[in-house]
Protein backbone atom coordinates (compact mmCIF):
# COMPACT_ATOMS: atom_id res chain seq x y z
CA MET A 1 59.72 -10.30 21.64
CA PRO A 2 62.46 -8.47 19.70
CA THR A 3 65.93 -9.01 21.15
CA SER A 4 67.31 -5.68 19.88
CA VAL A 5 66.26 -2.32 18.51
CA ALA A 6 67.25 -3.55 15.05
CA GLU A 7 64.77 -6.45 15.35
CA LEU A 8 62.05 -4.10 16.62
CA VAL A 9 62.59 -1.69 13.72
CA ALA A 10 62.59 -4.62 11.28
CA ILE A 11 59.16 -5.87 12.36
CA LEU A 12 57.80 -2.31 12.11
CA ARG A 13 58.91 -2.08 8.46
CA LEU A 14 55.76 -3.68 7.11
CA GLU A 15 55.53 -5.40 3.74
CA ARG A 16 52.98 -3.83 1.38
CA VAL A 17 50.94 -6.70 -0.11
CA GLU A 18 48.64 -4.48 -2.16
CA ASP A 19 46.86 -1.13 -1.75
CA ASP A 20 46.00 -0.67 1.94
CA LEU A 21 46.97 -4.25 2.81
CA PHE A 22 50.18 -4.95 4.72
CA ARG A 23 51.97 -7.89 6.32
CA GLY A 24 53.81 -7.70 9.64
CA ALA A 25 56.60 -10.15 10.47
CA GLN A 26 57.17 -11.75 13.85
CA PRO A 27 60.37 -11.44 15.92
CA PRO A 28 62.61 -14.34 14.83
CA HIS A 29 63.41 -15.52 18.36
CA SER A 30 60.12 -15.01 20.20
CA THR A 31 59.55 -17.27 23.21
CA LEU A 32 56.08 -15.90 24.00
CA GLN A 33 53.00 -18.11 23.78
CA ARG A 34 51.06 -15.27 22.15
CA VAL A 35 51.94 -12.08 20.30
CA PHE A 36 52.78 -9.13 22.59
CA GLY A 37 49.92 -6.63 22.42
CA GLY A 38 52.22 -3.64 22.00
CA GLN A 39 53.67 -5.24 18.87
CA VAL A 40 50.24 -5.61 17.22
CA ALA A 41 49.26 -2.04 18.15
CA ALA A 42 52.55 -0.62 16.85
CA GLN A 43 52.38 -2.57 13.58
CA ALA A 44 48.74 -1.56 13.05
CA LEU A 45 49.65 2.09 13.61
CA CYS A 46 52.50 1.76 11.10
CA ALA A 47 50.05 0.31 8.56
CA ALA A 48 47.55 3.14 9.09
CA SER A 49 50.31 5.76 8.82
CA LYS A 50 51.36 4.45 5.41
CA THR A 51 47.97 5.49 3.98
CA VAL A 52 47.97 9.08 5.30
CA ASP A 53 49.63 12.25 3.98
CA PRO A 54 52.89 12.55 5.97
CA ILE A 55 52.02 16.14 6.86
CA ARG A 56 49.39 14.69 9.19
CA ARG A 57 50.63 12.98 12.36
CA VAL A 58 48.72 10.56 14.55
CA HIS A 59 47.12 12.26 17.54
CA SER A 60 45.14 9.32 18.93
CA LEU A 61 44.62 5.59 18.60
CA HIS A 62 41.95 3.39 20.13
CA SER A 63 42.27 -0.38 19.98
CA TYR A 64 40.75 -3.68 21.09
CA PHE A 65 42.55 -6.99 21.56
CA LEU A 66 40.10 -9.67 20.43
CA ARG A 67 42.09 -12.91 20.21
CA ALA A 68 45.55 -14.11 21.16
CA GLY A 69 48.00 -13.74 18.26
CA ASP A 70 50.05 -16.64 16.91
CA THR A 71 53.79 -15.92 17.12
CA ALA A 72 54.55 -18.49 14.40
CA VAL A 73 52.90 -16.72 11.44
CA PRO A 74 52.83 -13.13 10.09
CA ILE A 75 49.92 -10.79 10.78
CA GLY A 76 47.88 -9.21 7.99
CA TYR A 77 46.83 -5.57 8.42
CA ASP A 78 43.89 -4.34 6.31
CA VAL A 79 43.51 -0.54 6.41
CA GLU A 80 40.15 1.12 5.76
CA ARG A 81 40.29 4.81 4.78
CA ILE A 82 37.35 6.07 6.83
CA ARG A 83 37.74 9.78 6.07
CA ASP A 84 40.15 12.44 4.82
CA GLY A 85 38.73 15.80 5.87
CA GLY A 86 40.08 19.31 5.71
CA SER A 87 42.05 18.90 8.94
CA PHE A 88 41.81 15.27 10.06
CA SER A 89 42.23 11.80 8.56
CA THR A 90 40.74 8.67 10.14
CA ARG A 91 41.80 5.08 9.54
CA ARG A 92 40.50 1.73 10.79
CA VAL A 93 42.79 -1.31 10.81
CA GLU A 94 41.89 -4.99 11.06
CA ALA A 95 44.68 -7.34 12.11
CA ARG A 96 44.10 -10.90 10.92
CA GLN A 97 45.62 -14.34 11.39
CA HIS A 98 44.26 -17.71 10.25
CA GLY A 99 41.29 -15.96 8.65
CA ARG A 100 40.13 -14.35 11.91
CA VAL A 101 40.34 -10.81 13.26
CA ILE A 102 42.60 -10.67 16.32
CA PHE A 103 42.77 -6.89 16.81
CA TYR A 104 41.04 -3.66 15.77
CA LEU A 105 42.57 -0.18 15.75
CA THR A 106 41.11 3.21 14.89
CA ALA A 107 43.57 6.08 14.51
CA SER A 108 43.10 9.78 13.83
CA PHE A 109 45.71 12.02 12.18
CA HIS A 110 45.96 15.80 12.26
CA GLY A 111 48.27 18.38 10.70
CA HIS A 112 50.02 20.80 13.06
CA GLU A 113 48.23 24.07 13.70
CA PRO A 114 48.67 26.85 16.29
CA GLY A 115 46.31 26.95 19.27
CA PHE A 116 45.97 27.12 23.05
CA GLU A 117 48.66 25.30 25.00
CA HIS A 118 49.04 24.05 28.57
CA GLN A 119 50.15 20.82 30.23
CA ASP A 120 50.63 19.10 33.59
CA VAL A 121 53.95 19.55 35.34
CA MET A 122 56.21 16.49 35.27
CA PRO A 123 56.63 14.84 38.70
CA ASP A 124 59.89 15.46 40.51
CA VAL A 125 61.83 12.22 40.00
CA PRO A 126 65.50 11.19 39.87
CA PRO A 127 67.04 11.28 36.39
CA ALA A 128 67.04 7.99 34.52
CA PRO A 129 70.79 7.28 34.83
CA ASP A 130 70.43 7.42 38.64
CA CYS A 131 67.64 4.81 38.68
CA PRO A 132 68.17 1.02 38.83
CA ASP A 133 67.49 -1.30 35.95
CA LEU A 134 63.85 -2.49 36.21
CA ALA A 135 64.84 -6.13 35.69
CA GLU A 136 67.20 -5.99 38.67
CA MET A 137 64.43 -4.57 40.85
CA LEU A 138 61.96 -7.25 39.73
CA GLU A 139 64.50 -9.95 40.57
CA THR A 140 64.39 -8.83 44.21
CA ILE A 141 60.61 -9.23 44.51
CA SER A 142 60.06 -12.32 42.35
CA SER A 143 61.48 -15.79 41.80
CA ARG A 144 62.79 -14.89 38.33
CA ALA A 145 66.35 -13.84 37.56
CA ALA A 146 67.01 -10.36 36.19
CA ASP A 147 68.14 -11.75 32.83
CA SER A 148 64.82 -13.59 32.47
CA TRP A 149 62.91 -10.35 32.97
CA ARG A 150 65.32 -8.36 30.79
CA GLN A 151 64.99 -10.63 27.76
CA GLU A 152 61.29 -9.77 27.55
CA TRP A 153 62.10 -6.16 26.64
CA SER A 154 65.62 -6.34 25.19
CA ALA A 155 64.74 -3.66 22.64
CA LEU A 156 64.14 -1.19 25.48
CA ASP A 157 66.19 0.27 28.31
CA VAL A 158 63.84 0.46 31.33
CA ARG A 159 64.70 2.01 34.71
CA TYR A 160 62.70 1.73 37.93
CA VAL A 161 61.74 4.98 39.69
CA GLY A 162 59.31 3.69 42.32
CA ASP A 163 55.84 2.36 43.09
CA THR A 164 53.35 2.23 45.95
CA ARG A 165 54.02 -1.34 47.12
CA PRO A 166 55.60 -1.55 50.62
CA GLY A 167 59.19 -0.40 50.27
CA GLY A 168 58.57 0.84 46.73
CA GLY A 169 59.55 4.41 47.58
CA LEU A 170 56.40 6.05 46.19
CA VAL A 171 53.84 7.25 48.75
CA SER A 172 50.39 8.39 47.65
CA GLU A 173 47.25 8.67 49.77
CA GLU A 174 45.23 9.37 46.62
CA HIS A 175 46.53 6.45 44.51
CA PRO A 176 47.04 3.02 46.13
CA ALA A 177 48.25 1.65 42.80
CA ALA A 178 50.89 3.84 41.13
CA ALA A 179 54.25 3.23 39.45
CA ARG A 180 56.88 5.29 37.69
CA LEU A 181 59.67 4.26 35.38
CA TRP A 182 61.91 5.64 32.68
CA PHE A 183 62.19 3.94 29.30
CA ARG A 184 63.78 4.47 25.90
CA ALA A 185 64.66 2.42 22.85
CA ASN A 186 67.90 0.55 23.52
CA GLY A 187 69.60 2.10 20.48
CA GLU A 188 69.26 4.86 17.90
CA LEU A 189 66.01 5.27 15.95
CA GLY A 190 66.69 8.39 13.90
CA GLY A 191 64.25 11.20 13.28
CA ASP A 192 61.40 9.40 11.48
CA PRO A 193 58.31 10.60 13.41
CA VAL A 194 56.20 7.58 12.43
CA LEU A 195 58.83 5.11 13.65
CA ASN A 196 59.22 6.98 16.94
CA THR A 197 55.48 7.08 17.66
CA CYS A 198 55.18 3.39 16.78
CA VAL A 199 58.01 2.48 19.16
CA LEU A 200 56.35 4.56 21.89
CA THR A 201 53.12 2.64 21.20
CA TYR A 202 55.00 -0.67 21.47
CA ALA A 203 56.51 0.33 24.84
CA SER A 204 53.26 1.73 26.24
CA ASP A 205 51.77 -1.79 26.63
CA LEU A 206 54.73 -3.24 28.51
CA THR A 207 54.03 -2.34 32.16
CA LEU A 208 50.73 -0.48 32.33
CA LEU A 209 48.47 -3.40 33.26
CA GLY A 210 50.98 -4.46 35.92
CA SER A 211 50.36 -1.21 37.79
CA SER A 212 46.84 -2.41 38.61
CA LEU A 213 48.33 -5.36 40.54
CA ILE A 214 50.64 -3.38 42.83
CA PRO A 215 48.36 -3.42 45.94
CA HIS A 216 47.56 -7.11 45.55
CA GLY A 217 50.96 -8.78 45.92
CA VAL A 218 50.90 -10.50 42.53
CA MET A 219 52.78 -9.80 39.29
CA ILE A 220 52.18 -10.25 35.57
CA GLY A 221 53.51 -13.70 34.68
CA SER A 222 52.51 -15.29 37.98
CA PRO A 223 51.01 -18.80 37.61
CA THR A 224 48.24 -17.64 39.94
CA LEU A 225 47.08 -14.98 37.45
CA GLN A 226 45.46 -14.90 34.02
CA ALA A 227 46.30 -11.54 32.45
CA ALA A 228 45.70 -9.98 29.05
CA SER A 229 45.23 -6.52 27.55
CA LEU A 230 41.61 -5.89 26.51
CA ASP A 231 41.74 -2.38 25.08
CA HIS A 232 44.42 0.28 24.75
CA THR A 233 44.31 3.98 23.90
CA VAL A 234 47.12 6.46 23.29
CA TRP A 235 46.83 10.20 22.74
CA PHE A 236 49.94 11.78 21.19
CA HIS A 237 50.25 15.39 22.33
CA ARG A 238 53.69 16.51 21.15
CA PRO A 239 56.53 15.24 18.94
CA VAL A 240 58.54 12.48 20.60
CA ARG A 241 61.90 10.74 20.27
CA ALA A 242 61.48 7.24 21.64
CA ASP A 243 65.27 6.76 21.82
CA ASP A 244 65.48 9.56 24.41
CA TRP A 245 64.45 8.99 28.02
CA LEU A 246 60.68 9.06 28.65
CA LEU A 247 59.04 9.04 32.08
CA TYR A 248 56.05 6.66 32.35
CA ASP A 249 53.87 7.94 35.22
CA GLN A 250 51.27 5.17 35.74
CA VAL A 251 48.22 5.06 38.01
CA SER A 252 45.51 2.40 38.35
CA PRO A 253 42.34 4.10 39.64
CA SER A 254 40.32 0.87 39.82
CA ALA A 255 40.40 -2.91 39.77
CA GLN A 256 37.21 -4.98 40.02
CA GLY A 257 35.38 -7.88 38.40
CA GLY A 258 38.58 -9.48 37.12
CA ARG A 259 39.61 -6.33 35.24
CA GLY A 260 42.23 -3.70 36.02
CA PHE A 261 42.10 -0.13 34.68
CA ALA A 262 45.19 2.06 34.37
CA VAL A 263 46.07 5.48 32.98
CA ALA A 264 49.45 7.10 32.45
CA ARG A 265 51.24 10.24 31.38
CA ILE A 266 54.45 10.12 29.35
CA PHE A 267 56.92 13.01 29.72
CA ASP A 268 60.21 13.54 27.95
CA ALA A 269 63.33 14.35 29.97
CA ARG A 270 62.79 18.08 29.41
CA GLY A 271 59.36 17.88 31.05
CA ALA A 272 57.14 18.03 27.96
CA LEU A 273 53.99 15.91 28.17
CA VAL A 274 54.27 13.92 24.94
CA ALA A 275 51.49 11.33 25.35
CA SER A 276 48.73 9.98 27.58
CA VAL A 277 47.68 6.33 27.76
CA ALA A 278 44.70 4.37 29.10
CA GLN A 279 44.16 0.63 29.25
CA GLU A 280 41.83 -1.96 30.71
CA GLY A 281 42.98 -5.54 31.02
CA LEU A 282 42.07 -8.93 32.39
CA ILE A 283 43.61 -9.68 35.80
CA ARG A 284 41.75 -12.84 36.74
CA PRO A 285 42.96 -14.86 39.73
CA VAL A 286 43.41 -18.50 38.77
CA ARG A 287 41.24 -20.68 40.99
CA ARG A 288 42.71 -24.11 41.53
């Protein structure tokens, strides 16, 4: 995974191969066995955005992870212009490696227009600077050192708010599996709206599946678990700066059949609901 914001931004600056065909680079120092799902989703969204009038901003993406990505070779992104209507544009993106599709994304774009407005109220949580580094918290409940956890998301600053595991500080009779954290890019991104939404997309895949494991005493990365994202959806409600603090309010309503389902709301520090996320993933216990 990228070791800095500069590396993250670099891999989101896709190379245009020809009309509607782009190439995405890999982080130069990746130690992962397969490409991080948030990276593929973010690069695919960047590719789709390059084919749409900038006056239209992405309002939703829906994606499927089909095969594990190879971290040793670039990823090709082929954009299909499904429709450009009077108000909305729709794009479909195939991500390919070694001649095979590894990922599909459909994204819809919409120009701003006035209309009805309401939103949920942000939960009452401590401000991000008062919360511990997530890697330090994970060190206390796992056999891995904080630096080992931290290097997996070096491009992000992530702070732990609480969760519903025993001693996690978050109590919910309605949700046995819930977790909250703050995150932001670990450096300046500037005001480019496409870059900021792509970085938010990248970050949205980092911890969401893990929330479905909270009641079960196992963590992503455990040798007793086979885990992978299966599908991922993001709805973008309001403009966002991904280098400002964002609250990730995650809940897993269900786990069954080797799959975990999780949903989340993302608020900015001023309380605006900027995005909603849903994901289902494989959480298969390894039987020895």
